[in-house]
Amino acid sequence: MYNSARQRFLRAGIDWEDDDVDVLLVGAGYSFTEADEYVSDLVASECGATDYARVSSTGRTVSDATTSVADAADITWAGLGGATDEVVGGAVFFKNSGTDYDGGTINADANRSVICFIDFTNFETADQDTTLVIPAGGGFDLTG
């Protein structure tokens, strides 16, 4: 989880269940750092495979107060790869629109807050459906 996301959760700047949260893929060369704050901090590493596009995250829930785990529906990128294959290193959830905790409008990568990074075992796209399977117990909690 990115440090700035923890702060935004605590300041009510991110509502996991109700905000517009999207997911992007990064190439194998992306190196996670907790200090990244916005999509613009990592967009240079974003996936360049044919037919790639950022996708919306759906089915987001927060478990009971005992475990406080964030969950979401599995996410599929259809036919990823094709003419331009790429090694993908992970996925990043980010707040895509609305307002930030400081009241600013979220309308560009420079103010789209990154939330969490899910590391993949590097895989090469090959004109196939690619699915990010969120574990049955949830994707992440505020500790990491």
N, C-alpha and C. Protein backbone atom coordinates (compact mmCIF):
# COMPACT_ATOMS: atom_id res chain seq x y z
N MET A 1 0.85 -1.17 0.00
CA MET A 1 0.00 0.00 0.00
C MET A 1 0.89 1.23 0.00
N TYR A 2 0.47 2.24 -0.75
CA TYR A 2 1.23 3.49 -0.82
C TYR A 2 0.96 4.33 0.44
N ASN A 3 1.99 5.00 0.94
CA ASN A 3 1.86 5.83 2.15
C ASN A 3 0.77 6.88 2.01
N SER A 4 0.72 7.54 0.86
CA SER A 4 -0.27 8.59 0.66
C SER A 4 -1.70 8.03 0.73
N ALA A 5 -1.89 6.79 0.32
CA ALA A 5 -3.23 6.18 0.39
C ALA A 5 -3.67 6.00 1.84
N ARG A 6 -2.75 5.58 2.69
CA ARG A 6 -3.10 5.43 4.11
C ARG A 6 -3.59 6.78 4.66
N GLN A 7 -2.86 7.83 4.33
CA GLN A 7 -3.23 9.17 4.78
C GLN A 7 -4.61 9.57 4.23
N ARG A 8 -4.85 9.28 2.98
CA ARG A 8 -6.12 9.66 2.36
C ARG A 8 -7.29 8.85 2.95
N PHE A 9 -7.06 7.58 3.27
CA PHE A 9 -8.10 6.81 3.94
C PHE A 9 -8.43 7.44 5.29
N LEU A 10 -7.43 7.84 6.04
CA LEU A 10 -7.65 8.41 7.36
C LEU A 10 -8.29 9.79 7.31
N ARG A 11 -8.09 10.51 6.22
CA ARG A 11 -8.68 11.84 6.06
C ARG A 11 -9.96 11.82 5.23
N ALA A 12 -10.50 10.64 5.01
CA ALA A 12 -11.73 10.45 4.23
C ALA A 12 -11.58 10.94 2.80
N GLY A 13 -10.37 10.86 2.26
CA GLY A 13 -10.11 11.25 0.88
C GLY A 13 -10.30 10.09 -0.08
N ILE A 14 -10.35 8.87 0.44
CA ILE A 14 -10.65 7.69 -0.38
C ILE A 14 -11.73 6.89 0.33
N ASP A 15 -12.79 6.61 -0.39
CA ASP A 15 -13.86 5.74 0.10
C ASP A 15 -13.82 4.49 -0.78
N TRP A 16 -13.26 3.42 -0.26
CA TRP A 16 -13.03 2.20 -1.04
C TRP A 16 -14.31 1.69 -1.70
N GLU A 17 -15.42 1.76 -1.00
CA GLU A 17 -16.64 1.18 -1.54
C GLU A 17 -17.36 2.09 -2.54
N ASP A 18 -17.28 3.40 -2.36
CA ASP A 18 -18.11 4.30 -3.16
C ASP A 18 -17.37 5.15 -4.18
N ASP A 19 -16.07 5.31 -4.07
CA ASP A 19 -15.32 6.12 -5.04
C ASP A 19 -15.13 5.38 -6.35
N ASP A 20 -14.76 6.12 -7.38
CA ASP A 20 -14.43 5.56 -8.69
C ASP A 20 -12.98 5.09 -8.63
N VAL A 21 -12.78 3.79 -8.48
CA VAL A 21 -11.44 3.21 -8.35
C VAL A 21 -11.16 2.37 -9.59
N ASP A 22 -10.06 2.67 -10.27
CA ASP A 22 -9.66 1.94 -11.47
C ASP A 22 -8.35 1.20 -11.20
N VAL A 23 -7.95 0.39 -12.20
CA VAL A 23 -6.74 -0.42 -12.08
C VAL A 23 -5.93 -0.26 -13.37
N LEU A 24 -4.64 -0.08 -13.21
CA LEU A 24 -3.74 -0.05 -14.36
C LEU A 24 -2.67 -1.11 -14.17
N LEU A 25 -2.05 -1.52 -15.27
CA LEU A 25 -0.96 -2.48 -15.22
C LEU A 25 0.36 -1.75 -15.45
N VAL A 26 1.41 -2.21 -14.77
CA VAL A 26 2.75 -1.67 -14.97
C VAL A 26 3.65 -2.77 -15.51
N GLY A 27 4.66 -2.35 -16.26
CA GLY A 27 5.63 -3.30 -16.80
C GLY A 27 6.53 -3.86 -15.72
N ALA A 28 7.29 -4.88 -16.10
CA ALA A 28 8.19 -5.55 -15.17
C ALA A 28 9.26 -4.61 -14.64
N GLY A 29 9.55 -3.52 -15.34
CA GLY A 29 10.57 -2.58 -14.90
C GLY A 29 10.14 -1.65 -13.79
N TYR A 30 8.83 -1.64 -13.45
CA TYR A 30 8.36 -0.77 -12.38
C TYR A 30 8.85 -1.29 -11.04
N SER A 31 9.40 -0.40 -10.25
CA SER A 31 9.86 -0.75 -8.92
C SER A 31 8.99 -0.04 -7.89
N PHE A 32 8.22 -0.82 -7.13
CA PHE A 32 7.31 -0.24 -6.14
C PHE A 32 8.08 0.59 -5.12
N THR A 33 7.56 1.76 -4.85
CA THR A 33 8.06 2.57 -3.74
C THR A 33 6.85 3.17 -3.04
N GLU A 34 6.82 3.05 -1.72
CA GLU A 34 5.68 3.56 -0.94
C GLU A 34 5.50 5.05 -1.10
N ALA A 35 6.53 5.77 -1.56
CA ALA A 35 6.47 7.22 -1.69
C ALA A 35 5.72 7.68 -2.93
N ASP A 36 5.47 6.80 -3.91
CA ASP A 36 4.67 7.21 -5.06
C ASP A 36 3.32 7.68 -4.56
N GLU A 37 2.82 8.77 -5.14
CA GLU A 37 1.58 9.36 -4.65
C GLU A 37 0.48 9.41 -5.70
N TYR A 38 0.86 9.67 -6.94
CA TYR A 38 -0.12 9.84 -8.01
C TYR A 38 0.21 8.93 -9.19
N VAL A 39 -0.77 8.70 -10.03
CA VAL A 39 -0.56 7.90 -11.24
C VAL A 39 0.58 8.48 -12.07
N SER A 40 0.71 9.78 -12.10
CA SER A 40 1.78 10.42 -12.88
C SER A 40 3.17 10.01 -12.40
N ASP A 41 3.30 9.54 -11.16
CA ASP A 41 4.59 9.10 -10.64
C ASP A 41 5.03 7.78 -11.26
N LEU A 42 4.10 7.03 -11.84
CA LEU A 42 4.46 5.72 -12.38
C LEU A 42 3.97 5.49 -13.80
N VAL A 43 3.34 6.48 -14.41
CA VAL A 43 2.76 6.29 -15.74
C VAL A 43 3.81 5.93 -16.79
N ALA A 44 5.05 6.34 -16.59
CA ALA A 44 6.11 5.98 -17.55
C ALA A 44 6.34 4.48 -17.58
N SER A 45 5.94 3.78 -16.54
CA SER A 45 6.09 2.33 -16.46
C SER A 45 4.81 1.58 -16.83
N GLU A 46 3.78 2.32 -17.24
CA GLU A 46 2.49 1.68 -17.53
C GLU A 46 2.60 0.73 -18.72
N CYS A 47 1.81 -0.31 -18.69
CA CYS A 47 1.79 -1.35 -19.72
C CYS A 47 1.61 -0.74 -21.11
N GLY A 48 2.35 -1.27 -22.07
CA GLY A 48 2.25 -0.80 -23.44
C GLY A 48 1.76 -1.87 -24.39
N ALA A 49 1.20 -2.93 -23.87
CA ALA A 49 0.73 -4.04 -24.72
C ALA A 49 -0.45 -3.61 -25.59
N THR A 50 -0.57 -4.24 -26.75
CA THR A 50 -1.69 -3.99 -27.63
C THR A 50 -3.00 -4.31 -26.90
N ASP A 51 -4.01 -3.49 -27.13
CA ASP A 51 -5.35 -3.66 -26.56
C ASP A 51 -5.41 -3.44 -25.05
N TYR A 52 -4.35 -2.87 -24.49
CA TYR A 52 -4.37 -2.56 -23.05
C TYR A 52 -5.14 -1.28 -22.81
N ALA A 53 -5.90 -1.25 -21.74
CA ALA A 53 -6.56 -0.04 -21.25
C ALA A 53 -6.77 -0.20 -19.75
N ARG A 54 -6.79 0.90 -19.07
CA ARG A 54 -7.13 0.88 -17.64
C ARG A 54 -8.57 0.40 -17.51
N VAL A 55 -8.86 -0.29 -16.41
CA VAL A 55 -10.21 -0.81 -16.20
C VAL A 55 -10.76 -0.39 -14.84
N SER A 56 -12.08 -0.37 -14.77
CA SER A 56 -12.76 -0.04 -13.52
C SER A 56 -12.76 -1.24 -12.59
N SER A 57 -12.61 -0.96 -11.32
CA SER A 57 -12.71 -1.98 -10.29
C SER A 57 -14.15 -2.01 -9.80
N THR A 58 -14.72 -3.19 -9.70
CA THR A 58 -16.11 -3.32 -9.26
C THR A 58 -16.19 -4.23 -8.04
N GLY A 59 -17.36 -4.27 -7.44
CA GLY A 59 -17.61 -5.18 -6.32
C GLY A 59 -16.74 -4.90 -5.11
N ARG A 60 -16.38 -3.64 -4.90
CA ARG A 60 -15.49 -3.32 -3.77
C ARG A 60 -16.28 -3.31 -2.46
N THR A 61 -15.73 -4.01 -1.48
CA THR A 61 -16.32 -4.07 -0.15
C THR A 61 -15.23 -3.97 0.90
N VAL A 62 -15.64 -3.69 2.12
CA VAL A 62 -14.75 -3.71 3.27
C VAL A 62 -15.34 -4.70 4.26
N SER A 63 -14.51 -5.62 4.74
CA SER A 63 -15.01 -6.65 5.66
C SER A 63 -15.33 -6.04 7.02
N ASP A 64 -15.76 -6.88 7.93
CA ASP A 64 -16.14 -6.44 9.26
C ASP A 64 -14.98 -5.78 10.01
N ALA A 65 -15.27 -5.17 11.12
CA ALA A 65 -14.28 -4.42 11.88
C ALA A 65 -13.17 -5.29 12.45
N THR A 66 -13.38 -6.59 12.54
CA THR A 66 -12.36 -7.48 13.08
C THR A 66 -11.18 -7.60 12.14
N THR A 67 -11.45 -7.77 10.84
CA THR A 67 -10.37 -7.97 9.88
C THR A 67 -10.08 -6.74 9.04
N SER A 68 -11.10 -5.90 8.77
CA SER A 68 -10.95 -4.65 8.01
C SER A 68 -10.14 -4.83 6.73
N VAL A 69 -10.53 -5.78 5.91
CA VAL A 69 -9.85 -6.06 4.66
C VAL A 69 -10.66 -5.52 3.49
N ALA A 70 -9.97 -4.89 2.54
CA ALA A 70 -10.61 -4.40 1.33
C ALA A 70 -10.66 -5.53 0.30
N ASP A 71 -11.80 -5.66 -0.35
CA ASP A 71 -11.98 -6.71 -1.33
C ASP A 71 -12.54 -6.08 -2.61
N ALA A 72 -12.44 -6.80 -3.71
CA ALA A 72 -12.98 -6.35 -5.00
C ALA A 72 -13.21 -7.57 -5.87
N ALA A 73 -13.98 -7.37 -6.93
CA ALA A 73 -14.19 -8.44 -7.90
C ALA A 73 -12.91 -8.65 -8.71
N ASP A 74 -12.74 -9.86 -9.22
CA ASP A 74 -11.61 -10.13 -10.11
C ASP A 74 -11.70 -9.20 -11.32
N ILE A 75 -10.56 -8.90 -11.92
CA ILE A 75 -10.49 -7.96 -13.03
C ILE A 75 -9.85 -8.66 -14.23
N THR A 76 -10.48 -8.52 -15.40
CA THR A 76 -9.96 -9.16 -16.61
C THR A 76 -9.68 -8.12 -17.69
N TRP A 77 -8.51 -8.23 -18.29
CA TRP A 77 -8.15 -7.46 -19.48
C TRP A 77 -8.28 -8.44 -20.64
N ALA A 78 -9.20 -8.19 -21.58
CA ALA A 78 -9.48 -9.12 -22.67
C ALA A 78 -8.47 -8.97 -23.80
N GLY A 79 -7.96 -10.10 -24.31
CA GLY A 79 -7.09 -10.11 -25.48
C GLY A 79 -5.84 -9.28 -25.34
N LEU A 80 -5.29 -9.21 -24.16
CA LEU A 80 -4.13 -8.35 -23.91
C LEU A 80 -2.90 -8.89 -24.64
N GLY A 81 -2.24 -8.04 -25.35
CA GLY A 81 -1.03 -8.43 -26.06
C GLY A 81 -1.18 -8.27 -27.54
N GLY A 82 -1.37 -9.37 -28.24
CA GLY A 82 -1.53 -9.30 -29.68
C GLY A 82 -0.24 -8.92 -30.36
N ALA A 83 -0.29 -7.86 -31.16
CA ALA A 83 0.87 -7.44 -31.95
C ALA A 83 2.02 -6.94 -31.09
N THR A 84 1.72 -6.43 -29.91
CA THR A 84 2.76 -5.90 -29.04
C THR A 84 2.67 -6.58 -27.68
N ASP A 85 3.44 -7.63 -27.48
CA ASP A 85 3.47 -8.31 -26.19
C ASP A 85 4.35 -7.52 -25.24
N GLU A 86 4.14 -7.70 -23.96
CA GLU A 86 4.93 -7.02 -22.95
C GLU A 86 4.94 -7.85 -21.68
N VAL A 87 6.02 -7.78 -20.94
CA VAL A 87 6.09 -8.44 -19.64
C VAL A 87 5.44 -7.50 -18.62
N VAL A 88 4.44 -8.00 -17.92
CA VAL A 88 3.71 -7.20 -16.94
C VAL A 88 4.19 -7.58 -15.55
N GLY A 89 4.43 -6.57 -14.73
CA GLY A 89 4.96 -6.79 -13.40
C GLY A 89 3.99 -6.63 -12.26
N GLY A 90 2.84 -5.96 -12.51
CA GLY A 90 1.90 -5.77 -11.43
C GLY A 90 0.74 -4.88 -11.80
N ALA A 91 -0.16 -4.69 -10.85
CA ALA A 91 -1.34 -3.86 -11.02
C ALA A 91 -1.38 -2.81 -9.93
N VAL A 92 -1.92 -1.65 -10.27
CA VAL A 92 -2.04 -0.54 -9.32
C VAL A 92 -3.50 -0.09 -9.29
N PHE A 93 -4.09 -0.08 -8.11
CA PHE A 93 -5.42 0.49 -7.90
C PHE A 93 -5.23 1.98 -7.64
N PHE A 94 -6.13 2.80 -8.20
CA PHE A 94 -6.04 4.25 -7.98
C PHE A 94 -7.42 4.89 -8.01
N LYS A 95 -7.55 6.01 -7.30
CA LYS A 95 -8.79 6.78 -7.30
C LYS A 95 -8.81 7.60 -8.58
N ASN A 96 -9.84 7.39 -9.40
CA ASN A 96 -9.85 7.95 -10.74
C ASN A 96 -10.55 9.29 -10.89
N SER A 97 -11.51 9.61 -10.05
CA SER A 97 -12.24 10.86 -10.21
C SER A 97 -12.84 11.30 -8.88
N GLY A 98 -13.51 12.43 -8.89
CA GLY A 98 -14.12 12.98 -7.68
C GLY A 98 -13.26 14.08 -7.11
N THR A 99 -13.20 14.13 -5.78
CA THR A 99 -12.37 15.14 -5.12
C THR A 99 -11.41 14.46 -4.17
N ASP A 100 -10.27 15.11 -3.96
CA ASP A 100 -9.27 14.59 -3.04
C ASP A 100 -9.59 15.12 -1.64
N TYR A 101 -8.87 14.63 -0.63
CA TYR A 101 -9.15 15.05 0.74
C TYR A 101 -8.96 16.54 0.94
N ASP A 102 -8.18 17.21 0.07
CA ASP A 102 -7.98 18.65 0.19
C ASP A 102 -8.98 19.45 -0.62
N GLY A 103 -9.97 18.76 -1.22
CA GLY A 103 -11.03 19.43 -1.96
C GLY A 103 -10.73 19.65 -3.43
N GLY A 104 -9.55 19.28 -3.88
CA GLY A 104 -9.19 19.45 -5.29
C GLY A 104 -9.90 18.43 -6.17
N THR A 105 -10.17 18.83 -7.41
CA THR A 105 -10.83 17.94 -8.36
C THR A 105 -9.83 16.97 -8.96
N ILE A 106 -10.21 15.71 -9.01
CA ILE A 106 -9.36 14.68 -9.60
C ILE A 106 -9.76 14.55 -11.07
N ASN A 107 -8.87 15.01 -11.96
CA ASN A 107 -9.22 15.00 -13.37
C ASN A 107 -8.04 14.70 -14.29
N ALA A 108 -6.90 14.35 -13.73
CA ALA A 108 -5.71 14.05 -14.53
C ALA A 108 -4.80 13.12 -13.72
N ASP A 109 -3.87 12.45 -14.41
CA ASP A 109 -2.96 11.53 -13.73
C ASP A 109 -2.17 12.22 -12.62
N ALA A 110 -1.95 13.51 -12.73
CA ALA A 110 -1.18 14.24 -11.72
C ALA A 110 -1.93 14.38 -10.40
N ASN A 111 -3.24 14.08 -10.38
CA ASN A 111 -3.95 14.12 -9.10
C ASN A 111 -4.85 12.90 -8.89
N ARG A 112 -4.55 11.81 -9.59
CA ARG A 112 -5.22 10.52 -9.35
C ARG A 112 -4.38 9.75 -8.33
N SER A 113 -4.90 9.60 -7.14
CA SER A 113 -4.16 9.00 -6.03
C SER A 113 -4.00 7.49 -6.19
N VAL A 114 -2.75 7.02 -6.10
CA VAL A 114 -2.51 5.58 -6.12
C VAL A 114 -2.88 5.01 -4.75
N ILE A 115 -3.39 3.80 -4.75
CA ILE A 115 -3.85 3.17 -3.50
C ILE A 115 -2.94 2.00 -3.12
N CYS A 116 -2.88 1.00 -3.99
CA CYS A 116 -2.05 -0.16 -3.66
C CYS A 116 -1.49 -0.79 -4.93
N PHE A 117 -0.39 -1.49 -4.75
CA PHE A 117 0.30 -2.19 -5.83
C PHE A 117 0.21 -3.68 -5.55
N ILE A 118 -0.19 -4.45 -6.56
CA ILE A 118 -0.21 -5.90 -6.43
C ILE A 118 0.85 -6.44 -7.37
N ASP A 119 1.86 -7.06 -6.79
CA ASP A 119 2.99 -7.59 -7.53
C ASP A 119 2.62 -8.90 -8.21
N PHE A 120 2.93 -9.02 -9.50
CA PHE A 120 2.72 -10.26 -10.23
C PHE A 120 4.07 -10.95 -10.36
N THR A 121 4.04 -12.26 -10.50
CA THR A 121 5.20 -12.93 -11.04
C THR A 121 5.18 -12.51 -12.49
N ASN A 122 6.24 -11.88 -12.96
CA ASN A 122 6.24 -11.31 -14.31
C ASN A 122 5.69 -12.30 -15.32
N PHE A 123 4.74 -11.84 -16.13
CA PHE A 123 4.21 -12.69 -17.19
C PHE A 123 4.19 -11.89 -18.48
N GLU A 124 4.27 -12.60 -19.58
CA GLU A 124 4.25 -11.95 -20.88
C GLU A 124 2.87 -12.04 -21.46
N THR A 125 2.35 -10.90 -21.91
CA THR A 125 1.06 -10.91 -22.58
C THR A 125 1.22 -11.62 -23.91
N ALA A 126 0.20 -12.28 -24.35
CA ALA A 126 0.29 -13.05 -25.60
C ALA A 126 -1.08 -13.18 -26.24
N ASP A 127 -1.74 -12.04 -26.46
CA ASP A 127 -3.06 -12.01 -27.08
C ASP A 127 -4.02 -12.96 -26.37
N GLN A 128 -4.08 -12.80 -25.07
CA GLN A 128 -4.94 -13.66 -24.26
C GLN A 128 -5.62 -12.83 -23.19
N ASP A 129 -6.68 -13.36 -22.63
CA ASP A 129 -7.32 -12.70 -21.51
C ASP A 129 -6.39 -12.81 -20.30
N THR A 130 -6.27 -11.73 -19.58
CA THR A 130 -5.42 -11.69 -18.40
C THR A 130 -6.29 -11.29 -17.22
N THR A 131 -6.33 -12.12 -16.19
CA THR A 131 -7.21 -11.88 -15.05
C THR A 131 -6.41 -11.70 -13.77
N LEU A 132 -6.73 -10.62 -13.07
CA LEU A 132 -6.19 -10.39 -11.72
C LEU A 132 -7.22 -10.99 -10.77
N VAL A 133 -6.84 -12.08 -10.12
CA VAL A 133 -7.73 -12.76 -9.19
C VAL A 133 -7.50 -12.21 -7.79
N ILE A 134 -8.52 -11.62 -7.23
CA ILE A 134 -8.45 -11.08 -5.87
C ILE A 134 -8.76 -12.25 -4.93
N PRO A 135 -7.87 -12.52 -3.96
CA PRO A 135 -8.08 -13.66 -3.06
C PRO A 135 -9.44 -13.59 -2.35
N ALA A 136 -10.00 -14.75 -2.05
CA ALA A 136 -11.30 -14.83 -1.40
C ALA A 136 -11.36 -14.05 -0.09
N GLY A 137 -10.23 -13.95 0.60
CA GLY A 137 -10.18 -13.23 1.86
C GLY A 137 -10.01 -11.74 1.72
N GLY A 138 -9.89 -11.24 0.50
CA GLY A 138 -9.72 -9.81 0.26
C GLY A 138 -8.34 -9.50 -0.30
N GLY A 139 -8.20 -8.28 -0.78
CA GLY A 139 -6.97 -7.88 -1.46
C GLY A 139 -5.92 -7.26 -0.58
N PHE A 140 -6.31 -6.39 0.36
CA PHE A 140 -5.34 -5.72 1.21
C PHE A 140 -6.01 -5.14 2.43
N ASP A 141 -5.21 -4.80 3.42
CA ASP A 141 -5.70 -4.06 4.58
C ASP A 141 -4.83 -2.84 4.75
N LEU A 142 -5.11 -2.01 5.70
CA LEU A 142 -4.37 -0.74 5.85
C LEU A 142 -2.95 -0.93 6.35
N THR A 143 -2.59 -2.14 6.75
CA THR A 143 -1.21 -2.35 7.19
C THR A 143 -0.29 -2.62 6.03
N GLY A 144 -0.81 -2.95 4.86
CA GLY A 144 0.06 -3.24 3.73
C GLY A 144 -0.65 -3.84 2.63
